[in-house]
Amino acid sequence: MCTLDCEDNSFRDVEFSDIMIVDFGRAVDLEQHCEQGQDARSIMLRGDACLEEMKCVAMRAGNPWSYDVDTFGVLACAHVMLYGSHIKLKKGKNGQWSLANSFKRYWQRDLWTKVFETLLNLDEESGAAIGSRARSLRSLREEITEYTEKESDKLRSFLTRQLSLLPSSRDQLA
């Protein structure tokens, strides 16, 4: 895996702004719920922990949840960045969850569809194996990495252009 500091990073010459995702004190430390010798990844919680539009799929279905809320949070952030609004979901006839709205044609539809459909339906089956979740996430990450490497010149151009549109300091936001 390559991060922004990685030697192989094709975006190292693009200046990035800091992005901060805040949980507003809603994080759950699964380690606190473990019994002696229990793996924190096996902890499952029940109930709601937020407003309706921020409930992960497992909460909406009344199923136990753990990391589902984290993957849903990533999707909710991506949705706000793409659409500028809270995420709205629908359940299809096939039982699969998807976005209520569609992607614009120039948004790399295939990739975004795969990201949202994979993460929304990752833990739909109650008690999905931890290993299968990890494999699904790894496969998705590899596909995203492959896309960013293939399209690095175009993405670098977009990021540089976006940076030029942003204010250089907080003082300029007012």
N, C-alpha and C. Protein backbone atom coordinates (compact mmCIF):
# COMPACT_ATOMS: atom_id res chain seq x y z
N MET A 1 0.84 -1.18 0.00
CA MET A 1 0.00 0.00 0.00
C MET A 1 0.88 1.24 0.00
N CYS A 2 0.43 2.26 -0.65
CA CYS A 2 1.19 3.50 -0.74
C CYS A 2 0.40 4.65 -0.13
N THR A 3 1.05 5.43 0.69
CA THR A 3 0.41 6.60 1.28
C THR A 3 0.95 7.84 0.57
N LEU A 4 0.48 9.01 0.98
CA LEU A 4 0.96 10.24 0.35
C LEU A 4 2.46 10.44 0.55
N ASP A 5 3.04 9.85 1.61
CA ASP A 5 4.47 9.99 1.89
C ASP A 5 5.29 8.91 1.21
N CYS A 6 4.65 7.95 0.59
CA CYS A 6 5.32 6.80 -0.01
C CYS A 6 6.20 7.24 -1.18
N GLU A 7 7.34 6.58 -1.33
CA GLU A 7 8.27 6.89 -2.41
C GLU A 7 7.64 6.67 -3.79
N ASP A 8 6.75 5.65 -3.89
CA ASP A 8 6.11 5.32 -5.16
C ASP A 8 4.88 6.16 -5.45
N ASN A 9 4.55 7.09 -4.58
CA ASN A 9 3.34 7.89 -4.73
C ASN A 9 3.46 8.80 -5.94
N SER A 10 2.55 8.61 -6.90
CA SER A 10 2.60 9.43 -8.12
C SER A 10 2.04 10.82 -7.89
N PHE A 11 1.51 11.11 -6.69
CA PHE A 11 0.96 12.43 -6.39
C PHE A 11 1.84 13.22 -5.44
N ARG A 12 3.07 12.80 -5.24
CA ARG A 12 3.90 13.46 -4.22
C ARG A 12 4.26 14.91 -4.57
N ASP A 13 4.13 15.27 -5.86
CA ASP A 13 4.44 16.65 -6.23
C ASP A 13 3.21 17.57 -6.15
N VAL A 14 2.05 17.03 -5.74
CA VAL A 14 0.85 17.84 -5.59
C VAL A 14 0.69 18.20 -4.12
N GLU A 15 0.53 19.49 -3.85
CA GLU A 15 0.34 19.94 -2.47
C GLU A 15 -1.09 19.62 -2.05
N PHE A 16 -1.26 18.96 -0.90
CA PHE A 16 -2.58 18.59 -0.42
C PHE A 16 -2.96 19.42 0.78
N SER A 17 -4.25 19.68 0.90
CA SER A 17 -4.78 20.29 2.11
C SER A 17 -5.11 19.16 3.08
N ASP A 18 -5.17 19.48 4.35
CA ASP A 18 -5.54 18.47 5.33
C ASP A 18 -7.04 18.26 5.30
N ILE A 19 -7.43 17.00 5.39
CA ILE A 19 -8.84 16.65 5.52
C ILE A 19 -9.01 16.02 6.89
N MET A 20 -10.00 16.49 7.62
CA MET A 20 -10.23 15.95 8.94
C MET A 20 -11.66 15.42 9.00
N ILE A 21 -11.79 14.15 9.38
CA ILE A 21 -13.10 13.56 9.59
C ILE A 21 -13.27 13.42 11.09
N VAL A 22 -14.34 13.98 11.60
CA VAL A 22 -14.57 14.03 13.04
C VAL A 22 -15.77 13.16 13.38
N ASP A 23 -15.68 12.40 14.46
CA ASP A 23 -16.81 11.54 14.84
C ASP A 23 -17.69 12.15 15.92
N PHE A 24 -17.36 13.35 16.39
CA PHE A 24 -18.16 14.05 17.38
C PHE A 24 -18.45 13.20 18.62
N GLY A 25 -17.46 12.42 19.04
CA GLY A 25 -17.59 11.65 20.27
C GLY A 25 -18.45 10.41 20.15
N ARG A 26 -18.72 9.96 18.95
CA ARG A 26 -19.58 8.80 18.75
C ARG A 26 -18.78 7.51 18.55
N ALA A 27 -17.49 7.56 18.63
CA ALA A 27 -16.68 6.37 18.41
C ALA A 27 -16.90 5.36 19.53
N VAL A 28 -16.82 4.09 19.17
CA VAL A 28 -16.97 3.01 20.14
C VAL A 28 -15.64 2.27 20.21
N ASP A 29 -15.07 2.19 21.40
CA ASP A 29 -13.84 1.44 21.60
C ASP A 29 -14.22 -0.01 21.87
N LEU A 30 -14.09 -0.84 20.84
CA LEU A 30 -14.50 -2.24 20.96
C LEU A 30 -13.67 -3.01 21.98
N GLU A 31 -12.45 -2.55 22.21
CA GLU A 31 -11.59 -3.20 23.21
C GLU A 31 -12.24 -3.18 24.60
N GLN A 32 -13.01 -2.13 24.90
CA GLN A 32 -13.65 -2.03 26.21
C GLN A 32 -14.76 -3.06 26.40
N HIS A 33 -15.25 -3.63 25.32
CA HIS A 33 -16.34 -4.60 25.39
C HIS A 33 -15.84 -6.04 25.32
N CYS A 34 -14.53 -6.22 25.28
CA CYS A 34 -13.94 -7.56 25.15
C CYS A 34 -13.82 -8.24 26.50
N GLU A 35 -14.04 -9.53 26.47
CA GLU A 35 -13.72 -10.36 27.63
C GLU A 35 -12.29 -10.83 27.45
N GLN A 36 -11.71 -11.36 28.50
CA GLN A 36 -10.32 -11.82 28.48
C GLN A 36 -10.07 -12.74 27.29
N GLY A 37 -9.12 -12.37 26.43
CA GLY A 37 -8.73 -13.19 25.28
C GLY A 37 -9.64 -13.07 24.07
N GLN A 38 -10.67 -12.27 24.14
CA GLN A 38 -11.59 -12.11 23.01
C GLN A 38 -11.03 -11.11 22.00
N ASP A 39 -11.21 -11.41 20.72
CA ASP A 39 -10.78 -10.52 19.65
C ASP A 39 -11.80 -9.41 19.49
N ALA A 40 -11.36 -8.16 19.53
CA ALA A 40 -12.27 -7.01 19.42
C ALA A 40 -13.04 -7.03 18.11
N ARG A 41 -12.47 -7.65 17.07
CA ARG A 41 -13.17 -7.71 15.78
C ARG A 41 -14.41 -8.59 15.83
N SER A 42 -14.54 -9.39 16.86
CA SER A 42 -15.71 -10.27 16.96
C SER A 42 -16.87 -9.62 17.73
N ILE A 43 -16.66 -8.45 18.29
CA ILE A 43 -17.70 -7.76 19.06
C ILE A 43 -18.78 -7.25 18.11
N MET A 44 -20.02 -7.51 18.43
CA MET A 44 -21.15 -7.02 17.65
C MET A 44 -22.06 -6.22 18.58
N LEU A 45 -22.53 -5.08 18.12
CA LEU A 45 -23.40 -4.21 18.90
C LEU A 45 -24.80 -4.22 18.28
N ARG A 46 -25.78 -3.82 19.06
CA ARG A 46 -27.17 -3.75 18.58
C ARG A 46 -27.74 -2.37 18.87
N GLY A 47 -28.71 -1.98 18.07
CA GLY A 47 -29.42 -0.74 18.32
C GLY A 47 -28.99 0.37 17.39
N ASP A 48 -29.58 1.54 17.61
CA ASP A 48 -29.29 2.73 16.82
C ASP A 48 -28.32 3.61 17.57
N ALA A 49 -27.53 4.34 16.83
CA ALA A 49 -26.60 5.25 17.48
C ALA A 49 -26.61 6.63 16.84
N CYS A 50 -27.64 6.91 16.01
CA CYS A 50 -27.61 8.17 15.28
C CYS A 50 -28.95 8.47 14.62
N LEU A 51 -28.98 9.58 13.91
CA LEU A 51 -30.15 9.96 13.15
C LEU A 51 -30.40 8.96 12.02
N GLU A 52 -31.60 8.91 11.54
CA GLU A 52 -32.00 7.94 10.51
C GLU A 52 -31.07 7.94 9.30
N GLU A 53 -30.74 9.13 8.76
CA GLU A 53 -29.92 9.16 7.54
C GLU A 53 -28.48 8.71 7.77
N MET A 54 -28.05 8.62 9.02
CA MET A 54 -26.69 8.18 9.28
C MET A 54 -26.62 6.74 9.79
N LYS A 55 -27.74 6.04 9.82
CA LYS A 55 -27.74 4.64 10.24
C LYS A 55 -27.13 3.77 9.15
N CYS A 56 -26.21 2.92 9.54
CA CYS A 56 -25.64 1.99 8.57
C CYS A 56 -26.72 0.96 8.21
N VAL A 57 -26.45 0.18 7.18
CA VAL A 57 -27.41 -0.80 6.68
C VAL A 57 -27.80 -1.79 7.78
N ALA A 58 -26.85 -2.24 8.57
CA ALA A 58 -27.16 -3.20 9.64
C ALA A 58 -28.12 -2.59 10.66
N MET A 59 -27.93 -1.34 11.02
CA MET A 59 -28.85 -0.66 11.95
C MET A 59 -30.24 -0.58 11.35
N ARG A 60 -30.32 -0.22 10.08
CA ARG A 60 -31.62 -0.09 9.41
C ARG A 60 -32.36 -1.42 9.37
N ALA A 61 -31.60 -2.51 9.25
CA ALA A 61 -32.20 -3.85 9.17
C ALA A 61 -32.41 -4.47 10.55
N GLY A 62 -31.94 -3.79 11.61
CA GLY A 62 -32.08 -4.34 12.96
C GLY A 62 -31.08 -5.45 13.26
N ASN A 63 -30.01 -5.52 12.48
CA ASN A 63 -28.99 -6.55 12.68
C ASN A 63 -27.88 -6.03 13.59
N PRO A 64 -27.10 -6.94 14.19
CA PRO A 64 -25.93 -6.50 14.96
C PRO A 64 -24.92 -5.84 14.03
N TRP A 65 -24.11 -4.93 14.57
CA TRP A 65 -23.15 -4.20 13.76
C TRP A 65 -21.87 -3.95 14.54
N SER A 66 -20.81 -3.68 13.83
CA SER A 66 -19.53 -3.26 14.44
C SER A 66 -18.86 -2.31 13.47
N TYR A 67 -18.03 -2.84 12.56
CA TYR A 67 -17.32 -1.99 11.61
C TYR A 67 -18.22 -1.45 10.51
N ASP A 68 -19.44 -1.98 10.42
CA ASP A 68 -20.40 -1.52 9.42
C ASP A 68 -20.57 0.00 9.52
N VAL A 69 -20.61 0.51 10.73
CA VAL A 69 -20.82 1.94 10.95
C VAL A 69 -19.63 2.75 10.40
N ASP A 70 -18.43 2.17 10.44
CA ASP A 70 -17.25 2.86 9.91
C ASP A 70 -17.27 2.92 8.39
N THR A 71 -17.57 1.78 7.76
CA THR A 71 -17.61 1.78 6.30
C THR A 71 -18.75 2.66 5.80
N PHE A 72 -19.86 2.67 6.52
CA PHE A 72 -20.97 3.56 6.14
C PHE A 72 -20.54 5.03 6.29
N GLY A 73 -19.78 5.34 7.33
CA GLY A 73 -19.29 6.71 7.52
C GLY A 73 -18.42 7.17 6.36
N VAL A 74 -17.58 6.28 5.86
CA VAL A 74 -16.75 6.60 4.69
C VAL A 74 -17.64 6.90 3.49
N LEU A 75 -18.65 6.06 3.28
CA LEU A 75 -19.58 6.28 2.17
C LEU A 75 -20.35 7.58 2.34
N ALA A 76 -20.78 7.87 3.56
CA ALA A 76 -21.53 9.10 3.81
C ALA A 76 -20.67 10.32 3.49
N CYS A 77 -19.39 10.28 3.86
CA CYS A 77 -18.46 11.39 3.54
C CYS A 77 -18.28 11.51 2.03
N ALA A 78 -18.06 10.38 1.35
CA ALA A 78 -17.89 10.41 -0.11
C ALA A 78 -19.15 10.94 -0.78
N HIS A 79 -20.31 10.55 -0.28
CA HIS A 79 -21.56 11.01 -0.85
C HIS A 79 -21.70 12.53 -0.72
N VAL A 80 -21.37 13.06 0.44
CA VAL A 80 -21.45 14.52 0.64
C VAL A 80 -20.48 15.22 -0.30
N MET A 81 -19.28 14.68 -0.49
CA MET A 81 -18.32 15.31 -1.39
C MET A 81 -18.79 15.25 -2.84
N LEU A 82 -19.45 14.17 -3.23
CA LEU A 82 -19.92 14.04 -4.61
C LEU A 82 -21.21 14.83 -4.86
N TYR A 83 -22.17 14.69 -3.97
CA TYR A 83 -23.51 15.25 -4.20
C TYR A 83 -23.80 16.52 -3.42
N GLY A 84 -23.07 16.76 -2.34
CA GLY A 84 -23.34 17.92 -1.50
C GLY A 84 -24.57 17.74 -0.61
N SER A 85 -24.95 16.50 -0.35
CA SER A 85 -26.12 16.23 0.49
C SER A 85 -25.93 14.90 1.24
N HIS A 86 -26.78 14.68 2.26
CA HIS A 86 -26.73 13.43 3.01
C HIS A 86 -27.07 12.25 2.10
N ILE A 87 -26.56 11.11 2.45
CA ILE A 87 -26.77 9.89 1.69
C ILE A 87 -28.22 9.41 1.84
N LYS A 88 -28.80 8.99 0.73
CA LYS A 88 -30.15 8.41 0.73
C LYS A 88 -30.04 7.05 0.07
N LEU A 89 -30.61 6.03 0.71
CA LEU A 89 -30.48 4.66 0.23
C LEU A 89 -31.82 4.09 -0.19
N LYS A 90 -31.74 3.06 -1.01
CA LYS A 90 -32.92 2.27 -1.35
C LYS A 90 -32.50 0.81 -1.39
N LYS A 91 -33.46 -0.06 -1.10
CA LYS A 91 -33.19 -1.49 -1.15
C LYS A 91 -33.87 -2.03 -2.39
N GLY A 92 -33.08 -2.66 -3.24
CA GLY A 92 -33.60 -3.17 -4.51
C GLY A 92 -34.39 -4.44 -4.35
N LYS A 93 -35.01 -4.86 -5.43
CA LYS A 93 -35.80 -6.10 -5.44
C LYS A 93 -34.93 -7.32 -5.14
N ASN A 94 -33.65 -7.19 -5.47
CA ASN A 94 -32.70 -8.29 -5.22
C ASN A 94 -32.19 -8.29 -3.78
N GLY A 95 -32.68 -7.35 -2.95
CA GLY A 95 -32.26 -7.27 -1.56
C GLY A 95 -30.98 -6.49 -1.33
N GLN A 96 -30.39 -5.99 -2.41
CA GLN A 96 -29.14 -5.24 -2.31
C GLN A 96 -29.44 -3.75 -2.09
N TRP A 97 -28.62 -3.12 -1.27
CA TRP A 97 -28.75 -1.69 -1.01
C TRP A 97 -27.99 -0.91 -2.07
N SER A 98 -28.52 0.26 -2.42
CA SER A 98 -27.84 1.14 -3.37
C SER A 98 -28.25 2.57 -3.08
N LEU A 99 -27.60 3.49 -3.77
CA LEU A 99 -27.95 4.90 -3.61
C LEU A 99 -29.30 5.19 -4.26
N ALA A 100 -30.05 6.11 -3.68
CA ALA A 100 -31.33 6.51 -4.25
C ALA A 100 -31.12 7.34 -5.51
N ASN A 101 -29.99 8.03 -5.62
CA ASN A 101 -29.70 8.83 -6.80
C ASN A 101 -28.59 8.18 -7.62
N SER A 102 -28.46 8.57 -8.87
CA SER A 102 -27.46 7.95 -9.74
C SER A 102 -26.25 8.86 -9.90
N PHE A 103 -25.17 8.26 -10.36
CA PHE A 103 -23.93 9.00 -10.57
C PHE A 103 -23.98 9.73 -11.90
N LYS A 104 -23.35 10.88 -11.95
CA LYS A 104 -23.23 11.61 -13.21
C LYS A 104 -22.30 10.80 -14.12
N ARG A 105 -22.49 10.92 -15.40
CA ARG A 105 -21.73 10.09 -16.35
C ARG A 105 -20.23 10.32 -16.29
N TYR A 106 -19.79 11.50 -15.89
CA TYR A 106 -18.36 11.81 -15.86
C TYR A 106 -17.72 11.53 -14.49
N TRP A 107 -18.43 10.83 -13.59
CA TRP A 107 -17.91 10.53 -12.26
C TRP A 107 -17.30 9.14 -12.15
N GLN A 108 -16.88 8.54 -13.18
CA GLN A 108 -16.34 7.17 -13.13
C GLN A 108 -17.38 6.23 -12.52
N ARG A 109 -18.52 6.20 -13.16
CA ARG A 109 -19.68 5.44 -12.67
C ARG A 109 -19.35 4.03 -12.22
N ASP A 110 -18.59 3.29 -13.04
CA ASP A 110 -18.31 1.89 -12.71
C ASP A 110 -17.58 1.77 -11.38
N LEU A 111 -16.58 2.61 -11.19
CA LEU A 111 -15.80 2.54 -9.96
C LEU A 111 -16.63 2.96 -8.74
N TRP A 112 -17.34 4.10 -8.83
CA TRP A 112 -18.16 4.55 -7.70
C TRP A 112 -19.29 3.57 -7.40
N THR A 113 -19.88 3.00 -8.42
CA THR A 113 -20.93 2.00 -8.19
C THR A 113 -20.38 0.82 -7.42
N LYS A 114 -19.21 0.36 -7.83
CA LYS A 114 -18.58 -0.77 -7.13
C LYS A 114 -18.27 -0.41 -5.68
N VAL A 115 -17.73 0.79 -5.44
CA VAL A 115 -17.40 1.22 -4.08
C VAL A 115 -18.66 1.23 -3.22
N PHE A 116 -19.69 1.91 -3.67
CA PHE A 116 -20.91 2.03 -2.87
C PHE A 116 -21.62 0.69 -2.70
N GLU A 117 -21.78 -0.07 -3.77
CA GLU A 117 -22.48 -1.34 -3.66
C GLU A 117 -21.72 -2.33 -2.78
N THR A 118 -20.40 -2.35 -2.90
CA THR A 118 -19.60 -3.25 -2.07
C THR A 118 -19.72 -2.88 -0.60
N LEU A 119 -19.48 -1.61 -0.28
CA LEU A 119 -19.48 -1.21 1.13
C LEU A 119 -20.88 -1.20 1.75
N LEU A 120 -21.90 -0.90 0.97
CA LEU A 120 -23.26 -0.93 1.51
C LEU A 120 -23.73 -2.35 1.81
N ASN A 121 -23.28 -3.31 1.02
CA ASN A 121 -23.76 -4.68 1.15
C ASN A 121 -22.74 -5.63 1.74
N LEU A 122 -21.64 -5.07 2.24
CA LEU A 122 -20.55 -5.88 2.76
C LEU A 122 -20.98 -6.78 3.91
N ASP A 123 -21.73 -6.25 4.84
CA ASP A 123 -22.10 -7.01 6.03
C ASP A 123 -23.61 -7.25 6.10
N GLU A 124 -24.27 -7.27 4.96
CA GLU A 124 -25.73 -7.44 4.95
C GLU A 124 -26.13 -8.75 5.60
N GLU A 125 -25.38 -9.80 5.33
CA GLU A 125 -25.69 -11.08 5.96
C GLU A 125 -25.22 -11.03 7.41
N SER A 126 -26.14 -11.24 8.31
CA SER A 126 -25.80 -11.22 9.72
C SER A 126 -24.72 -12.26 10.01
N GLY A 127 -23.68 -11.83 10.67
CA GLY A 127 -22.61 -12.75 11.03
C GLY A 127 -21.65 -13.04 9.91
N ALA A 128 -21.53 -12.15 8.93
CA ALA A 128 -20.58 -12.36 7.85
C ALA A 128 -19.18 -12.56 8.44
N ALA A 129 -18.45 -13.47 7.86
CA ALA A 129 -17.12 -13.80 8.38
C ALA A 129 -16.16 -12.61 8.25
N ILE A 130 -15.35 -12.42 9.28
CA ILE A 130 -14.38 -11.33 9.29
C ILE A 130 -13.44 -11.46 8.09
N GLY A 131 -13.02 -12.66 7.78
CA GLY A 131 -12.11 -12.88 6.65
C GLY A 131 -12.72 -12.49 5.33
N SER A 132 -14.01 -12.75 5.14
CA SER A 132 -14.65 -12.38 3.86
C SER A 132 -14.76 -10.88 3.74
N ARG A 133 -15.01 -10.18 4.85
CA ARG A 133 -15.04 -8.72 4.82
C ARG A 133 -13.67 -8.18 4.45
N ALA A 134 -12.65 -8.73 5.07
CA ALA A 134 -11.28 -8.27 4.79
C ALA A 134 -10.91 -8.50 3.33
N ARG A 135 -11.28 -9.66 2.77
CA ARG A 135 -11.00 -9.94 1.36
C ARG A 135 -11.74 -8.97 0.45
N SER A 136 -13.00 -8.69 0.77
CA SER A 136 -13.78 -7.74 -0.04
C SER A 136 -13.17 -6.35 0.00
N LEU A 137 -12.77 -5.91 1.18
CA LEU A 137 -12.16 -4.59 1.33
C LEU A 137 -10.82 -4.54 0.61
N ARG A 138 -10.03 -5.58 0.74
CA ARG A 138 -8.71 -5.63 0.07
C ARG A 138 -8.89 -5.58 -1.45
N SER A 139 -9.84 -6.33 -1.97
CA SER A 139 -10.10 -6.34 -3.40
C SER A 139 -10.54 -4.96 -3.89
N LEU A 140 -11.41 -4.32 -3.13
CA LEU A 140 -11.86 -2.98 -3.48
C LEU A 140 -10.71 -1.98 -3.45
N ARG A 141 -9.88 -2.07 -2.41
CA ARG A 141 -8.72 -1.17 -2.31
C ARG A 141 -7.78 -1.37 -3.50
N GLU A 142 -7.56 -2.62 -3.90
CA GLU A 142 -6.68 -2.90 -5.03
C GLU A 142 -7.24 -2.32 -6.32
N GLU A 143 -8.56 -2.39 -6.49
CA GLU A 143 -9.18 -1.83 -7.69
C GLU A 143 -9.06 -0.30 -7.72
N ILE A 144 -9.24 0.33 -6.56
CA ILE A 144 -9.10 1.79 -6.48
C ILE A 144 -7.65 2.19 -6.74
N THR A 145 -6.71 1.46 -6.17
CA THR A 145 -5.29 1.74 -6.38
C THR A 145 -4.93 1.59 -7.85
N GLU A 146 -5.42 0.54 -8.48
CA GLU A 146 -5.17 0.33 -9.91
C GLU A 146 -5.70 1.50 -10.73
N TYR A 147 -6.90 1.96 -10.40
CA TYR A 147 -7.48 3.10 -11.12
C TYR A 147 -6.63 4.36 -10.93
N THR A 148 -6.25 4.66 -9.67
CA THR A 148 -5.49 5.89 -9.41
C THR A 148 -4.12 5.84 -10.07
N GLU A 149 -3.51 4.66 -10.15
CA GLU A 149 -2.21 4.55 -10.83
C GLU A 149 -2.37 4.75 -12.33
N LYS A 150 -3.43 4.16 -12.90
CA LYS A 150 -3.67 4.26 -14.34
C LYS A 150 -4.01 5.70 -14.74
N GLU A 151 -4.74 6.40 -13.90
CA GLU A 151 -5.21 7.74 -14.22
C GLU A 151 -4.45 8.83 -13.45
N SER A 152 -3.23 8.55 -13.01
CA SER A 152 -2.51 9.47 -12.14
C SER A 152 -2.28 10.85 -12.77
N ASP A 153 -1.97 10.91 -14.05
CA ASP A 153 -1.74 12.22 -14.69
C ASP A 153 -3.02 13.07 -14.68
N LYS A 154 -4.13 12.45 -15.03
CA LYS A 154 -5.40 13.16 -15.05
C LYS A 154 -5.80 13.58 -13.63
N LEU A 155 -5.64 12.70 -12.66
CA LEU A 155 -5.99 13.02 -11.28
C LEU A 155 -5.09 14.13 -10.73
N ARG A 156 -3.80 14.08 -11.07
CA ARG A 156 -2.88 15.13 -10.63
C ARG A 156 -3.33 16.48 -11.16
N SER A 157 -3.73 16.52 -12.42
CA SER A 157 -4.21 17.75 -13.03
C SER A 157 -5.46 18.26 -12.30
N PHE A 158 -6.42 17.38 -12.01
CA PHE A 158 -7.64 17.77 -11.29
C PHE A 158 -7.32 18.29 -9.90
N LEU A 159 -6.42 17.59 -9.19
CA LEU A 159 -6.07 18.01 -7.82
C LEU A 159 -5.36 19.36 -7.82
N THR A 160 -4.47 19.57 -8.77
CA THR A 160 -3.77 20.84 -8.87
C THR A 160 -4.74 21.97 -9.18
N ARG A 161 -5.67 21.73 -10.10
CA ARG A 161 -6.68 22.74 -10.44
C ARG A 161 -7.56 23.03 -9.23
N GLN A 162 -7.97 22.00 -8.51
CA GLN A 162 -8.81 22.20 -7.33
C GLN A 162 -8.07 23.00 -6.27
N LEU A 163 -6.80 22.70 -6.07
CA LEU A 163 -5.99 23.43 -5.10
C LEU A 163 -5.94 24.92 -5.43
N SER A 164 -5.86 25.24 -6.71
CA SER A 164 -5.79 26.65 -7.11
C SER A 164 -7.11 27.38 -6.83
N LEU A 165 -8.20 26.65 -6.71
CA LEU A 165 -9.50 27.26 -6.43
C LEU A 165 -9.76 27.47 -4.94
N LEU A 166 -9.00 26.76 -4.11
CA LEU A 166 -9.19 26.84 -2.66
C LEU A 166 -8.45 28.04 -2.09
N PRO A 167 -9.01 28.64 -1.04
CA PRO A 167 -8.29 29.74 -0.39
C PRO A 167 -7.02 29.20 0.27
N SER A 168 -6.00 30.04 0.34
CA SER A 168 -4.73 29.58 0.90
C SER A 168 -4.70 29.65 2.42
N SER A 169 -5.68 30.32 3.02
CA SER A 169 -5.73 30.36 4.49
C SER A 169 -7.17 30.46 4.95
N ARG A 170 -7.39 30.14 6.21
CA ARG A 170 -8.74 30.23 6.79
C ARG A 170 -9.26 31.66 6.78
N ASP A 171 -8.35 32.64 6.88
CA ASP A 171 -8.76 34.04 6.89
C ASP A 171 -9.50 34.41 5.60
N GLN A 172 -9.14 33.76 4.49
CA GLN A 172 -9.76 34.07 3.22
C GLN A 172 -11.15 33.45 3.07
N LEU A 173 -11.55 32.58 4.01
CA LEU A 173 -12.87 31.95 3.93
C LEU A 173 -13.99 32.93 4.31
N ALA A 174 -13.71 33.90 5.13
CA ALA A 174 -14.75 34.81 5.62
C ALA A 174 -15.22 35.80 4.61
